[in-house]
PDB file of N, CA and C in Angstrom:
ATOM      1  N   GLN A   1     -86.062  29.276 -31.441  1.00  0.00           N
ATOM      2  CA  GLN A   1     -86.592  30.643 -31.446  1.00  0.00           C
ATOM      3  C   GLN A   1     -87.433  30.868 -30.198  1.00  0.00           C
ATOM      4  N   VAL A   2     -87.344  32.085 -29.659  1.00  0.00           N
ATOM      5  CA  VAL A   2     -88.041  32.423 -28.419  1.00  0.00           C
ATOM      6  C   VAL A   2     -88.959  33.607 -28.683  1.00  0.00           C
ATOM      7  N   HIS A   3     -90.145  33.560 -28.106  1.00  0.00           N
ATOM      8  CA  HIS A   3     -91.083  34.677 -28.189  1.00  0.00           C
ATOM      9  C   HIS A   3     -91.546  35.059 -26.802  1.00  0.00           C
ATOM     10  N   LEU A   4     -91.608  36.372 -26.562  1.00  0.00           N
ATOM     11  CA  LEU A   4     -92.219  36.909 -25.354  1.00  0.00           C
ATOM     12  C   LEU A   4     -93.424  37.717 -25.794  1.00  0.00           C
ATOM     13  N   VAL A   5     -94.589  37.367 -25.295  1.00  0.00           N
ATOM     14  CA  VAL A   5     -95.816  38.035 -25.720  1.00  0.00           C
ATOM     15  C   VAL A   5     -96.499  38.641 -24.510  1.00  0.00           C
ATOM     16  N   GLU A   6     -96.646  39.971 -24.561  1.00  0.00           N
ATOM     17  CA  GLU A   6     -97.303  40.695 -23.469  1.00  0.00           C
ATOM     18  C   GLU A   6     -98.791  40.868 -23.754  1.00  0.00           C
ATOM     19  N   SER A   7     -99.546  41.032 -22.693  1.00  0.00           N
ATOM     20  CA  SER A   7    -100.969  41.338 -22.813  1.00  0.00           C
ATOM     21  C   SER A   7    -101.401  42.107 -21.570  1.00  0.00           C
ATOM     22  N   GLY A   8    -102.560  42.754 -21.678  1.00  0.00           N
ATOM     23  CA  GLY A   8    -103.145  43.399 -20.510  1.00  0.00           C
ATOM     24  C   GLY A   8    -103.055  44.903 -20.466  1.00  0.00           C
ATOM     25  N   GLY A   9    -102.385  45.501 -21.432  1.00  0.00           N
ATOM     26  CA  GLY A   9    -102.320  46.959 -21.435  1.00  0.00           C
ATOM     27  C   GLY A   9    -103.645  47.573 -21.808  1.00  0.00           C
ATOM     28  N   GLY A  10    -103.720  48.895 -21.693  1.00  0.00           N
ATOM     29  CA  GLY A  10    -104.952  49.568 -22.063  1.00  0.00           C
ATOM     30  C   GLY A  10    -105.039  50.951 -21.465  1.00  0.00           C
ATOM     31  N   LEU A  11    -106.248  51.498 -21.499  1.00  0.00           N
ATOM     32  CA  LEU A  11    -106.523  52.833 -20.975  1.00  0.00           C
ATOM     33  C   LEU A  11    -107.267  52.697 -19.657  1.00  0.00           C
ATOM     34  N   VAL A  12    -106.811  53.433 -18.655  1.00  0.00           N
ATOM     35  CA  VAL A  12    -107.438  53.378 -17.334  1.00  0.00           C
ATOM     36  C   VAL A  12    -107.387  54.764 -16.706  1.00  0.00           C
ATOM     37  N   GLN A  13    -108.334  55.049 -15.859  1.00  0.00           N
ATOM     38  CA  GLN A  13    -108.330  56.323 -15.152  1.00  0.00           C
ATOM     39  C   GLN A  13    -107.355  56.282 -13.983  1.00  0.00           C
ATOM     40  N   ALA A  14    -106.882  57.436 -13.597  1.00  0.00           N
ATOM     41  CA  ALA A  14    -105.991  57.535 -12.443  1.00  0.00           C
ATOM     42  C   ALA A  14    -106.668  56.906 -11.228  1.00  0.00           C
ATOM     43  N   GLY A  15    -105.866  56.135 -10.483  1.00  0.00           N
ATOM     44  CA  GLY A  15    -106.404  55.410  -9.340  1.00  0.00           C
ATOM     45  C   GLY A  15    -106.854  54.007  -9.657  1.00  0.00           C
ATOM     46  N   GLY A  16    -106.934  53.688 -10.925  1.00  0.00           N
ATOM     47  CA  GLY A  16    -107.375  52.372 -11.350  1.00  0.00           C
ATOM     48  C   GLY A  16    -106.262  51.345 -11.349  1.00  0.00           C
ATOM     49  N   SER A  17    -106.601  50.158 -11.843  1.00  0.00           N
ATOM     50  CA  SER A  17    -105.662  49.032 -11.843  1.00  0.00           C
ATOM     51  C   SER A  17    -105.611  48.360 -13.205  1.00  0.00           C
ATOM     52  N   LEU A  18    -104.474  47.784 -13.492  1.00  0.00           N
ATOM     53  CA  LEU A  18    -104.285  46.934 -14.662  1.00  0.00           C
ATOM     54  C   LEU A  18    -103.366  45.793 -14.279  1.00  0.00           C
ATOM     55  N   ARG A  19    -103.520  44.685 -14.982  1.00  0.00           N
ATOM     56  CA  ARG A  19    -102.633  43.542 -14.774  1.00  0.00           C
ATOM     57  C   ARG A  19    -102.012  43.166 -16.104  1.00  0.00           C
ATOM     58  N   LEU A  20    -100.689  43.257 -16.168  1.00  0.00           N
ATOM     59  CA  LEU A  20     -99.957  42.873 -17.361  1.00  0.00           C
ATOM     60  C   LEU A  20     -99.471  41.433 -17.223  1.00  0.00           C
ATOM     61  N   SER A  21     -99.486  40.724 -18.328  1.00  0.00           N
ATOM     62  CA  SER A  21     -98.984  39.362 -18.349  1.00  0.00           C
ATOM     63  C   SER A  21     -98.015  39.201 -19.511  1.00  0.00           C
ATOM     64  N   CYS A  22     -97.068  38.295 -19.335  1.00  0.00           N
ATOM     65  CA  CYS A  22     -96.098  37.997 -20.385  1.00  0.00           C
ATOM     66  C   CYS A  22     -95.829  36.508 -20.370  1.00  0.00           C
ATOM     67  N   ALA A  23     -95.925  35.902 -21.542  1.00  0.00           N
ATOM     68  CA  ALA A  23     -95.663  34.474 -21.676  1.00  0.00           C
ATOM     69  C   ALA A  23     -94.479  34.255 -22.601  1.00  0.00           C
ATOM     70  N   ALA A  24     -93.526  33.483 -22.127  1.00  0.00           N
ATOM     71  CA  ALA A  24     -92.367  33.112 -22.941  1.00  0.00           C
ATOM     72  C   ALA A  24     -92.608  31.749 -23.550  1.00  0.00           C
ATOM     73  N   SER A  25     -92.333  31.622 -24.843  1.00  0.00           N
ATOM     74  CA  SER A  25     -92.539  30.352 -25.518  1.00  0.00           C
ATOM     75  C   SER A  25     -91.415  30.100 -26.502  1.00  0.00           C
ATOM     76  N   GLY A  26     -91.319  28.857 -26.926  1.00  0.00           N
ATOM     77  CA  GLY A  26     -90.281  28.470 -27.870  1.00  0.00           C
ATOM     78  C   GLY A  26     -89.307  27.492 -27.236  1.00  0.00           C
ATOM     79  N   SER A  27     -88.113  27.470 -27.784  1.00  0.00           N
ATOM     80  CA  SER A  27     -87.082  26.561 -27.292  1.00  0.00           C
ATOM     81  C   SER A  27     -86.404  27.181 -26.073  1.00  0.00           C
ATOM     82  N   ILE A  28     -86.806  26.738 -24.882  1.00  0.00           N
ATOM     83  CA  ILE A  28     -86.320  27.324 -23.633  1.00  0.00           C
ATOM     84  C   ILE A  28     -85.860  26.218 -22.695  1.00  0.00           C
ATOM     85  N   ALA A  29     -84.620  26.316 -22.251  1.00  0.00           N
ATOM     86  CA  ALA A  29     -84.114  25.353 -21.271  1.00  0.00           C
ATOM     87  C   ALA A  29     -84.351  25.854 -19.855  1.00  0.00           C
ATOM     88  N   SER A  30     -84.103  27.146 -19.644  1.00  0.00           N
ATOM     89  CA  SER A  30     -84.245  27.700 -18.305  1.00  0.00           C
ATOM     90  C   SER A  30     -84.365  29.212 -18.386  1.00  0.00           C
ATOM     91  N   ILE A  31     -85.204  29.766 -17.513  1.00  0.00           N
ATOM     92  CA  ILE A  31     -85.344  31.218 -17.421  1.00  0.00           C
ATOM     93  C   ILE A  31     -84.843  31.668 -16.061  1.00  0.00           C
ATOM     94  N   ALA A  32     -83.920  32.601 -16.056  1.00  0.00           N
ATOM     95  CA  ALA A  32     -83.424  33.168 -14.803  1.00  0.00           C
ATOM     96  C   ALA A  32     -84.330  34.354 -14.434  1.00  0.00           C
ATOM     97  N   ALA A  33     -83.787  35.550 -14.424  1.00  0.00           N
ATOM     98  CA  ALA A  33     -84.584  36.714 -14.039  1.00  0.00           C
ATOM     99  C   ALA A  33     -85.587  37.081 -15.127  1.00  0.00           C
ATOM    100  N   MET A  34     -86.729  37.586 -14.690  1.00  0.00           N
ATOM    101  CA  MET A  34     -87.727  38.156 -15.591  1.00  0.00           C
ATOM    102  C   MET A  34     -88.080  39.528 -15.055  1.00  0.00           C
ATOM    103  N   GLY A  35     -88.588  40.364 -15.923  1.00  0.00           N
ATOM    104  CA  GLY A  35     -88.904  41.698 -15.431  1.00  0.00           C
ATOM    105  C   GLY A  35     -89.760  42.501 -16.383  1.00  0.00           C
ATOM    106  N   TRP A  36     -90.145  43.666 -15.882  1.00  0.00           N
ATOM    107  CA  TRP A  36     -90.915  44.623 -16.662  1.00  0.00           C
ATOM    108  C   TRP A  36     -90.158  45.950 -16.713  1.00  0.00           C
ATOM    109  N   TYR A  37     -90.134  46.529 -17.888  1.00  0.00           N
ATOM    110  CA  TYR A  37     -89.510  47.817 -18.112  1.00  0.00           C
ATOM    111  C   TYR A  37     -90.525  48.704 -18.808  1.00  0.00           C
ATOM    112  N   ARG A  38     -90.337  50.002 -18.743  1.00  0.00           N
ATOM    113  CA  ARG A  38     -91.263  50.899 -19.429  1.00  0.00           C
ATOM    114  C   ARG A  38     -90.510  52.048 -20.078  1.00  0.00           C
ATOM    115  N   GLN A  39     -91.128  52.543 -21.141  1.00  0.00           N
ATOM    116  CA  GLN A  39     -90.539  53.644 -21.887  1.00  0.00           C
ATOM    117  C   GLN A  39     -91.632  54.617 -22.278  1.00  0.00           C
ATOM    118  N   ALA A  40     -91.526  55.831 -21.738  1.00  0.00           N
ATOM    119  CA  ALA A  40     -92.451  56.898 -22.098  1.00  0.00           C
ATOM    120  C   ALA A  40     -91.920  57.617 -23.331  1.00  0.00           C
ATOM    121  N   PRO A  41     -92.781  58.301 -24.082  1.00  0.00           N
ATOM    122  CA  PRO A  41     -92.336  58.992 -25.296  1.00  0.00           C
ATOM    123  C   PRO A  41     -91.202  59.953 -25.007  1.00  0.00           C
ATOM    124  N   GLY A  42     -90.133  59.839 -25.779  1.00  0.00           N
ATOM    125  CA  GLY A  42     -89.008  60.739 -25.635  1.00  0.00           C
ATOM    126  C   GLY A  42     -88.099  60.442 -24.460  1.00  0.00           C
ATOM    127  N   LYS A  43     -88.338  59.338 -23.759  1.00  0.00           N
ATOM    128  CA  LYS A  43     -87.517  58.997 -22.597  1.00  0.00           C
ATOM    129  C   LYS A  43     -86.857  57.641 -22.787  1.00  0.00           C
ATOM    130  N   GLN A  44     -85.895  57.341 -21.929  1.00  0.00           N
ATOM    131  CA  GLN A  44     -85.221  56.059 -22.012  1.00  0.00           C
ATOM    132  C   GLN A  44     -86.081  54.969 -21.374  1.00  0.00           C
ATOM    133  N   ARG A  45     -85.717  53.733 -21.686  1.00  0.00           N
ATOM    134  CA  ARG A  45     -86.419  52.606 -21.100  1.00  0.00           C
ATOM    135  C   ARG A  45     -85.875  52.367 -19.683  1.00  0.00           C
ATOM    136  N   ASP A  46     -86.770  52.301 -18.720  1.00  0.00           N
ATOM    137  CA  ASP A  46     -86.378  52.155 -17.322  1.00  0.00           C
ATOM    138  C   ASP A  46     -86.961  50.876 -16.721  1.00  0.00           C
ATOM    139  N   MET A  47     -86.247  50.331 -15.750  1.00  0.00           N
ATOM    140  CA  MET A  47     -86.716  49.165 -15.027  1.00  0.00           C
ATOM    141  C   MET A  47     -87.913  49.541 -14.160  1.00  0.00           C
ATOM    142  N   VAL A  48     -88.930  48.697 -14.181  1.00  0.00           N
ATOM    143  CA  VAL A  48     -90.080  48.862 -13.307  1.00  0.00           C
ATOM    144  C   VAL A  48     -90.002  47.856 -12.154  1.00  0.00           C
ATOM    145  N   ALA A  49     -89.823  46.583 -12.510  1.00  0.00           N
ATOM    146  CA  ALA A  49     -89.753  45.531 -11.502  1.00  0.00           C
ATOM    147  C   ALA A  49     -89.085  44.308 -12.103  1.00  0.00           C
ATOM    148  N   THR A  50     -88.328  43.599 -11.273  1.00  0.00           N
ATOM    149  CA  THR A  50     -87.706  42.355 -11.706  1.00  0.00           C
ATOM    150  C   THR A  50     -87.945  41.288 -10.649  1.00  0.00           C
ATOM    151  N   ILE A  51     -87.866  40.032 -11.085  1.00  0.00           N
ATOM    152  CA  ILE A  51     -88.056  38.917 -10.167  1.00  0.00           C
ATOM    153  C   ILE A  51     -87.124  37.786 -10.575  1.00  0.00           C
ATOM    154  N   SER A  52     -86.428  37.234  -9.598  1.00  0.00           N
ATOM    155  CA  SER A  52     -85.526  36.120  -9.867  1.00  0.00           C
ATOM    156  C   SER A  52     -86.324  34.820  -9.976  1.00  0.00           C
ATOM    157  N   ARG A  53     -85.659  33.780 -10.392  1.00  0.00           N
ATOM    158  CA  ARG A  53     -86.330  32.491 -10.492  1.00  0.00           C
ATOM    159  C   ARG A  53     -86.826  32.028  -9.121  1.00  0.00           C
ATOM    160  N   GLY A  54     -86.092  32.409  -8.096  1.00  0.00           N
ATOM    161  CA  GLY A  54     -86.473  32.029  -6.741  1.00  0.00           C
ATOM    162  C   GLY A  54     -87.501  32.947  -6.102  1.00  0.00           C
ATOM    163  N   GLY A  55     -87.864  34.032  -6.802  1.00  0.00           N
ATOM    164  CA  GLY A  55     -88.912  34.905  -6.287  1.00  0.00           C
ATOM    165  C   GLY A  55     -88.440  36.186  -5.629  1.00  0.00           C
ATOM    166  N   ASP A  56     -87.145  36.449  -5.645  1.00  0.00           N
ATOM    167  CA  ASP A  56     -86.658  37.722  -5.116  1.00  0.00           C
ATOM    168  C   ASP A  56     -87.051  38.847  -6.054  1.00  0.00           C
ATOM    169  N   THR A  57     -87.590  39.923  -5.483  1.00  0.00           N
ATOM    170  CA  THR A  57     -88.116  41.006  -6.309  1.00  0.00           C
ATOM    171  C   THR A  57     -87.353  42.312  -6.080  1.00  0.00           C
ATOM    172  N   ASN A  58     -87.432  43.165  -7.082  1.00  0.00           N
ATOM    173  CA  ASN A  58     -86.810  44.485  -7.024  1.00  0.00           C
ATOM    174  C   ASN A  58     -87.732  45.441  -7.757  1.00  0.00           C
ATOM    175  N   TYR A  59     -87.966  46.615  -7.161  1.00  0.00           N
ATOM    176  CA  TYR A  59     -88.904  47.572  -7.742  1.00  0.00           C
ATOM    177  C   TYR A  59     -88.261  48.952  -7.882  1.00  0.00           C
ATOM    178  N   ALA A  60     -88.675  49.674  -8.890  1.00  0.00           N
ATOM    179  CA  ALA A  60     -88.323  51.086  -8.980  1.00  0.00           C
ATOM    180  C   ALA A  60     -89.002  51.813  -7.828  1.00  0.00           C
ATOM    181  N   GLU A  61     -88.336  52.833  -7.310  1.00  0.00           N
ATOM    182  CA  GLU A  61     -88.885  53.570  -6.169  1.00  0.00           C
ATOM    183  C   GLU A  61     -90.271  54.137  -6.475  1.00  0.00           C
ATOM    184  N   SER A  62     -90.475  54.541  -7.715  1.00  0.00           N
ATOM    185  CA  SER A  62     -91.725  55.204  -8.082  1.00  0.00           C
ATOM    186  C   SER A  62     -92.934  54.274  -8.064  1.00  0.00           C
ATOM    187  N   VAL A  63     -92.707  52.956  -8.039  1.00  0.00           N
ATOM    188  CA  VAL A  63     -93.840  52.029  -8.083  1.00  0.00           C
ATOM    189  C   VAL A  63     -93.961  51.180  -6.820  1.00  0.00           C
ATOM    190  N   LYS A  64     -93.017  51.334  -5.914  1.00  0.00           N
ATOM    191  CA  LYS A  64     -93.070  50.534  -4.687  1.00  0.00           C
ATOM    192  C   LYS A  64     -94.377  50.786  -3.930  1.00  0.00           C
ATOM    193  N   GLY A  65     -94.994  49.706  -3.487  1.00  0.00           N
ATOM    194  CA  GLY A  65     -96.251  49.802  -2.760  1.00  0.00           C
ATOM    195  C   GLY A  65     -97.467  49.847  -3.651  1.00  0.00           C
ATOM    196  N   ARG A  66     -97.262  50.023  -4.961  1.00  0.00           N
ATOM    197  CA  ARG A  66     -98.394  50.095  -5.885  1.00  0.00           C
ATOM    198  C   ARG A  66     -98.384  48.926  -6.884  1.00  0.00           C
ATOM    199  N   PHE A  67     -97.205  48.503  -7.297  1.00  0.00           N
ATOM    200  CA  PHE A  67     -97.069  47.426  -8.286  1.00  0.00           C
ATOM    201  C   PHE A  67     -96.542  46.165  -7.610  1.00  0.00           C
ATOM    202  N   THR A  68     -96.982  45.022  -8.122  1.00  0.00           N
ATOM    203  CA  THR A  68     -96.501  43.740  -7.627  1.00  0.00           C
ATOM    204  C   THR A  68     -96.160  42.839  -8.804  1.00  0.00           C
ATOM    205  N   ILE A  69     -94.934  42.331  -8.805  1.00  0.00           N
ATOM    206  CA  ILE A  69     -94.509  41.409  -9.854  1.00  0.00           C
ATOM    207  C   ILE A  69     -94.580  39.982  -9.325  1.00  0.00           C
ATOM    208  N   SER A  70     -94.974  39.066 -10.199  1.00  0.00           N
ATOM    209  CA  SER A  70     -95.040  37.653  -9.814  1.00  0.00           C
ATOM    210  C   SER A  70     -94.721  36.817 -11.050  1.00  0.00           C
ATOM    211  N   ARG A  71     -94.408  35.552 -10.836  1.00  0.00           N
ATOM    212  CA  ARG A  71     -94.112  34.680 -11.975  1.00  0.00           C
ATOM    213  C   ARG A  71     -94.555  33.257 -11.678  1.00  0.00           C
ATOM    214  N   ASP A  72     -94.743  32.518 -12.753  1.00  0.00           N
ATOM    215  CA  ASP A  72     -95.071  31.100 -12.657  1.00  0.00           C
ATOM    216  C   ASP A  72     -94.005  30.361 -13.462  1.00  0.00           C
ATOM    217  N   ASN A  73     -93.075  29.733 -12.770  1.00  0.00           N
ATOM    218  CA  ASN A  73     -91.957  29.079 -13.461  1.00  0.00           C
ATOM    219  C   ASN A  73     -92.419  27.913 -14.327  1.00  0.00           C
ATOM    220  N   ALA A  74     -93.466  27.246 -13.917  1.00  0.00           N
ATOM    221  CA  ALA A  74     -93.960  26.101 -14.689  1.00  0.00           C
ATOM    222  C   ALA A  74     -94.557  26.535 -16.023  1.00  0.00           C
ATOM    223  N   LYS A  75     -95.116  27.738 -16.046  1.00  0.00           N
ATOM    224  CA  LYS A  75     -95.770  28.237 -17.263  1.00  0.00           C
ATOM    225  C   LYS A  75     -94.918  29.250 -18.014  1.00  0.00           C
ATOM    226  N   ASN A  76     -93.747  29.571 -17.491  1.00  0.00           N
ATOM    227  CA  ASN A  76     -92.866  30.579 -18.115  1.00  0.00           C
ATOM    228  C   ASN A  76     -93.592  31.915 -18.300  1.00  0.00           C
ATOM    229  N   THR A  77     -94.287  32.316 -17.271  1.00  0.00           N
ATOM    230  CA  THR A  77     -95.022  33.584 -17.336  1.00  0.00           C
ATOM    231  C   THR A  77     -94.591  34.527 -16.214  1.00  0.00           C
ATOM    232  N   VAL A  78     -94.764  35.806 -16.472  1.00  0.00           N
ATOM    233  CA  VAL A  78     -94.518  36.834 -15.471  1.00  0.00           C
ATOM    234  C   VAL A  78     -95.665  37.833 -15.558  1.00  0.00           C
ATOM    235  N   HIS A  79     -96.062  38.345 -14.396  1.00  0.00           N
ATOM    236  CA  HIS A  79     -97.201  39.252 -14.335  1.00  0.00           C
ATOM    237  C   HIS A  79     -96.814  40.518 -13.582  1.00  0.00           C
ATOM    238  N   LEU A  80     -97.524  41.590 -13.868  1.00  0.00           N
ATOM    239  CA  LEU A  80     -97.329  42.840 -13.151  1.00  0.00           C
ATOM    240  C   LEU A  80     -98.702  43.380 -12.782  1.00  0.00           C
ATOM    241  N   GLN A  81     -99.020  43.333 -11.506  1.00  0.00           N
ATOM    242  CA  GLN A  81    -100.259  43.912 -11.011  1.00  0.00           C
ATOM    243  C   GLN A  81     -99.994  45.364 -10.671  1.00  0.00           C
ATOM    244  N   MET A  82    -100.714  46.259 -11.325  1.00  0.00           N
ATOM    245  CA  MET A  82    -100.497  47.685 -11.151  1.00  0.00           C
ATOM    246  C   MET A  82    -101.741  48.301 -10.535  1.00  0.00           C
ATOM    247  N   ASN A  83    -101.596  48.806  -9.326  1.00  0.00           N
ATOM    248  CA  ASN A  83    -102.697  49.457  -8.613  1.00  0.00           C
ATOM    249  C   ASN A  83    -102.392  50.928  -8.408  1.00  0.00           C
ATOM    250  N   SER A  84    -103.416  51.690  -8.077  1.00  0.00           N
ATOM    251  CA  SER A  84    -103.270  53.128  -7.814  1.00  0.00           C
ATOM    252  C   SER A  84    -102.486  53.804  -8.930  1.00  0.00           C
ATOM    253  N   LEU A  85    -102.872  53.526 -10.147  1.00  0.00           N
ATOM    254  CA  LEU A  85    -102.131  54.050 -11.294  1.00  0.00           C
ATOM    255  C   LEU A  85    -102.211  55.571 -11.366  1.00  0.00           C
ATOM    256  N   LYS A  86    -101.115  56.158 -11.836  1.00  0.00           N
ATOM    257  CA  LYS A  86    -100.991  57.604 -11.969  1.00  0.00           C
ATOM    258  C   LYS A  86    -100.730  57.953 -13.436  1.00  0.00           C
ATOM    259  N   PRO A  87    -101.063  59.182 -13.836  1.00  0.00           N
ATOM    260  CA  PRO A  87    -100.770  59.578 -15.227  1.00  0.00           C
ATOM    261  C   PRO A  87     -99.297  59.389 -15.597  1.00  0.00           C
ATOM    262  N   GLU A  88     -98.401  59.569 -14.646  1.00  0.00           N
ATOM    263  CA  GLU A  88     -96.978  59.396 -14.937  1.00  0.00           C
ATOM    264  C   GLU A  88     -96.571  57.940 -15.159  1.00  0.00           C
ATOM    265  N   ASP A  89     -97.488  57.008 -14.940  1.00  0.00           N
ATOM    266  CA  ASP A  89     -97.218  55.603 -15.269  1.00  0.00           C
ATOM    267  C   ASP A  89     -97.464  55.312 -16.751  1.00  0.00           C
ATOM    268  N   THR A  90     -97.992  56.279 -17.471  1.00  0.00           N
ATOM    269  CA  THR A  90     -98.248  56.108 -18.903  1.00  0.00           C
ATOM    270  C   THR A  90     -96.951  55.841 -19.648  1.00  0.00           C
ATOM    271  N   ALA A  91     -96.928  54.732 -20.388  1.00  0.00           N
ATOM    272  CA  ALA A  91     -95.721  54.331 -21.117  1.00  0.00           C
ATOM    273  C   ALA A  91     -96.010  53.046 -21.887  1.00  0.00           C
ATOM    274  N   ASP A  92     -95.072  52.670 -22.709  1.00  0.00           N
ATOM    275  CA  ASP A  92     -95.067  51.318 -23.282  1.00  0.00           C
ATOM    276  C   ASP A  92     -94.317  50.417 -22.301  1.00  0.00           C
ATOM    277  N   TYR A  93     -94.922  49.292 -21.966  1.00  0.00           N
ATOM    278  CA  TYR A  93     -94.347  48.365 -20.995  1.00  0.00           C
ATOM    279  C   TYR A  93     -93.812  47.134 -21.724  1.00  0.00           C
ATOM    280  N   TYR A  94     -92.579  46.788 -21.404  1.00  0.00           N
ATOM    281  CA  TYR A  94     -91.895  45.688 -22.070  1.00  0.00           C
ATOM    282  C   TYR A  94     -91.533  44.593 -21.079  1.00  0.00           C
ATOM    283  N   CYS A  95     -91.775  43.371 -21.493  1.00  0.00           N
ATOM    284  CA  CYS A  95     -91.380  42.208 -20.732  1.00  0.00           C
ATOM    285  C   CYS A  95     -89.954  41.816 -21.113  1.00  0.00           C
ATOM    286  N   ASN A  96     -89.188  41.393 -20.133  1.00  0.00           N
ATOM    287  CA  ASN A  96     -87.806  40.958 -20.365  1.00  0.00           C
ATOM    288  C   ASN A  96     -87.560  39.639 -19.670  1.00  0.00           C
ATOM    289  N   ALA A  97     -86.794  38.782 -20.318  1.00  0.00           N
ATOM    290  CA  ALA A  97     -86.426  37.506 -19.702  1.00  0.00           C
ATOM    291  C   ALA A  97     -84.978  37.188 -20.033  1.00  0.00           C
ATOM    292  N   ASN A  98     -84.242  36.784 -19.034  1.00  0.00           N
ATOM    293  CA  ASN A  98     -82.880  36.271 -19.236  1.00  0.00           C
ATOM    294  C   ASN A  98     -82.961  34.755 -19.237  1.00  0.00           C
ATOM    295  N   LEU A  99     -82.731  34.166 -20.384  1.00  0.00           N
ATOM    296  CA  LEU A  99     -82.944  32.737 -20.500  1.00  0.00           C
ATOM    297  C   LEU A  99     -81.902  32.085 -21.386  1.00  0.00           C
ATOM    298  N   ARG A 100     -81.820  30.787 -21.256  1.00  0.00           N
ATOM    299  CA  ARG A 100     -80.961  30.020 -22.143  1.00  0.00           C
ATOM    300  C   ARG A 100     -81.826  29.006 -22.895  1.00  0.00           C
ATOM    301  N   GLN A 101     -81.505  28.861 -24.178  1.00  0.00           N
ATOM    302  CA  GLN A 101     -82.304  27.957 -25.005  1.00  0.00           C
ATOM    303  C   GLN A 101     -81.844  26.518 -24.861  1.00  0.00           C
ATOM    304  N   THR A 102     -80.564  26.317 -24.575  1.00  0.00           N
ATOM    305  CA  THR A 102     -80.051  24.988 -24.278  1.00  0.00           C
ATOM    306  C   THR A 102     -79.152  25.097 -23.054  1.00  0.00           C
ATOM    307  N   TRP A 103     -78.907  23.978 -22.388  1.00  0.00           N
ATOM    308  CA  TRP A 103     -78.096  24.001 -21.174  1.00  0.00           C
ATOM    309  C   TRP A 103     -76.626  24.291 -21.482  1.00  0.00           C
ATOM    310  N   ARG A 104     -76.232  24.170 -22.736  1.00  0.00           N
ATOM    311  CA  ARG A 104     -74.834  24.443 -23.089  1.00  0.00           C
ATOM    312  C   ARG A 104     -74.595  25.924 -23.374  1.00  0.00           C
ATOM    313  N   GLU A 105     -75.657  26.695 -23.530  1.00  0.00           N
ATOM    314  CA  GLU A 105     -75.514  28.106 -23.862  1.00  0.00           C
ATOM    315  C   GLU A 105     -75.539  28.986 -22.623  1.00  0.00           C
ATOM    316  N   SER A 106     -74.999  30.192 -22.755  1.00  0.00           N
ATOM    317  CA  SER A 106     -75.128  31.194 -21.703  1.00  0.00           C
ATOM    318  C   SER A 106     -76.497  31.868 -21.829  1.00  0.00           C
ATOM    319  N   SER A 107     -76.918  32.480 -20.734  1.00  0.00           N
ATOM    320  CA  SER A 107     -78.202  33.200 -20.768  1.00  0.00           C
ATOM    321  C   SER A 107     -78.105  34.435 -21.641  1.00  0.00           C
ATOM    322  N   ARG A 108     -79.209  34.713 -22.312  1.00  0.00           N
ATOM    323  CA  ARG A 108     -79.320  35.925 -23.114  1.00  0.00           C
ATOM    324  C   ARG A 108     -80.582  36.669 -22.723  1.00  0.00           C
ATOM    325  N   SER A 109     -80.602  37.953 -23.051  1.00  0.00           N
ATOM    326  CA  SER A 109     -81.753  38.792 -22.733  1.00  0.00           C
ATOM    327  C   SER A 109     -82.688  38.856 -23.926  1.00  0.00           C
ATOM    328  N   TYR A 110     -83.974  38.615 -23.656  1.00  0.00           N
ATOM    329  CA  TYR A 110     -84.998  38.674 -24.688  1.00  0.00           C
ATOM    330  C   TYR A 110     -86.065  39.686 -24.274  1.00  0.00           C
ATOM    331  N   TRP A 111     -86.667  40.319 -25.288  1.00  0.00           N
ATOM    332  CA  TRP A 111     -87.677  41.349 -25.037  1.00  0.00           C
ATOM    333  C   TRP A 111     -88.972  41.026 -25.776  1.00  0.00           C
ATOM    334  N   GLY A 112     -90.081  41.414 -25.155  1.00  0.00           N
ATOM    335  CA  GLY A 112     -91.353  41.360 -25.842  1.00  0.00           C
ATOM    336  C   GLY A 112     -91.529  42.584 -26.724  1.00  0.00           C
ATOM    337  N   GLN A 113     -92.662  42.630 -27.408  1.00  0.00           N
ATOM    338  CA  GLN A 113     -92.900  43.721 -28.358  1.00  0.00           C
ATOM    339  C   GLN A 113     -93.487  44.955 -27.687  1.00  0.00           C
ATOM    340  N   GLY A 114     -93.887  44.830 -26.449  1.00  0.00           N
ATOM    341  CA  GLY A 114     -94.411  45.966 -25.701  1.00  0.00           C
ATOM    342  C   GLY A 114     -95.924  46.031 -25.701  1.00  0.00           C
ATOM    343  N   THR A 115     -96.463  46.580 -24.624  1.00  0.00           N
ATOM    344  CA  THR A 115     -97.901  46.812 -24.530  1.00  0.00           C
ATOM    345  C   THR A 115     -98.103  48.207 -23.937  1.00  0.00           C
ATOM    346  N   GLN A 116     -99.043  48.922 -24.484  1.00  0.00           N
ATOM    347  CA  GLN A 116     -99.230  50.318 -24.100  1.00  0.00           C
ATOM    348  C   GLN A 116    -100.150  50.442 -22.890  1.00  0.00           C
ATOM    349  N   VAL A 117     -99.717  51.278 -21.959  1.00  0.00           N
ATOM    350  CA  VAL A 117    -100.524  51.608 -20.789  1.00  0.00           C
ATOM    351  C   VAL A 117    -100.729  53.117 -20.776  1.00  0.00           C
ATOM    352  N   THR A 118    -101.976  53.538 -20.743  1.00  0.00           N
ATOM    353  CA  THR A 118    -102.307  54.954 -20.698  1.00  0.00           C
ATOM    354  C   THR A 118    -103.187  55.217 -19.491  1.00  0.00           C
ATOM    355  N   VAL A 119    -102.738  56.142 -18.645  1.00  0.00           N
ATOM    356  CA  VAL A 119    -103.488  56.497 -17.442  1.00  0.00           C
ATOM    357  C   VAL A 119    -103.969  57.931 -17.595  1.00  0.00           C
ATOM    358  N   SER A 120    -105.275  58.105 -17.610  1.00  0.00           N
ATOM    359  CA  SER A 120    -105.842  59.440 -17.782  1.00  0.00           C
ATOM    360  C   SER A 120    -106.091  60.084 -16.421  1.00  0.00           C
ATOM    361  N   SER A 121    -105.954  61.403 -16.401  1.00  0.00           N
ATOM    362  CA  SER A 121    -106.138  62.124 -15.135  1.00  0.00           C
ATOM    363  C   SER A 121    -107.587  62.524 -14.921  1.00  0.00           C
TER     364      SER A 121
END
């Protein structure tokens, strides 16, 4: 069994910063890509940032220059540093990991339960 647990969400004023963290635990052989996605009320879930095992990153245009994704492969964690936050960044943020539980299995996508980020104007 695999668990992804997010932390670090909360309420912040526009222009402020938050740091989200996600820890993967359980029976894990290897984690490939990890990432953060967000879903605002009434909208679809969209990619915010992803990072490969080797550290290659990809960002949504709306967060480039403001958000930074990082990971620690030894600890199975991924982080999202969010600076210069805007009210439009308000959403539930979800951690995602593509991982395999054993070396004989193919990678599967796992999701955390989400953490709420609210940016007030």
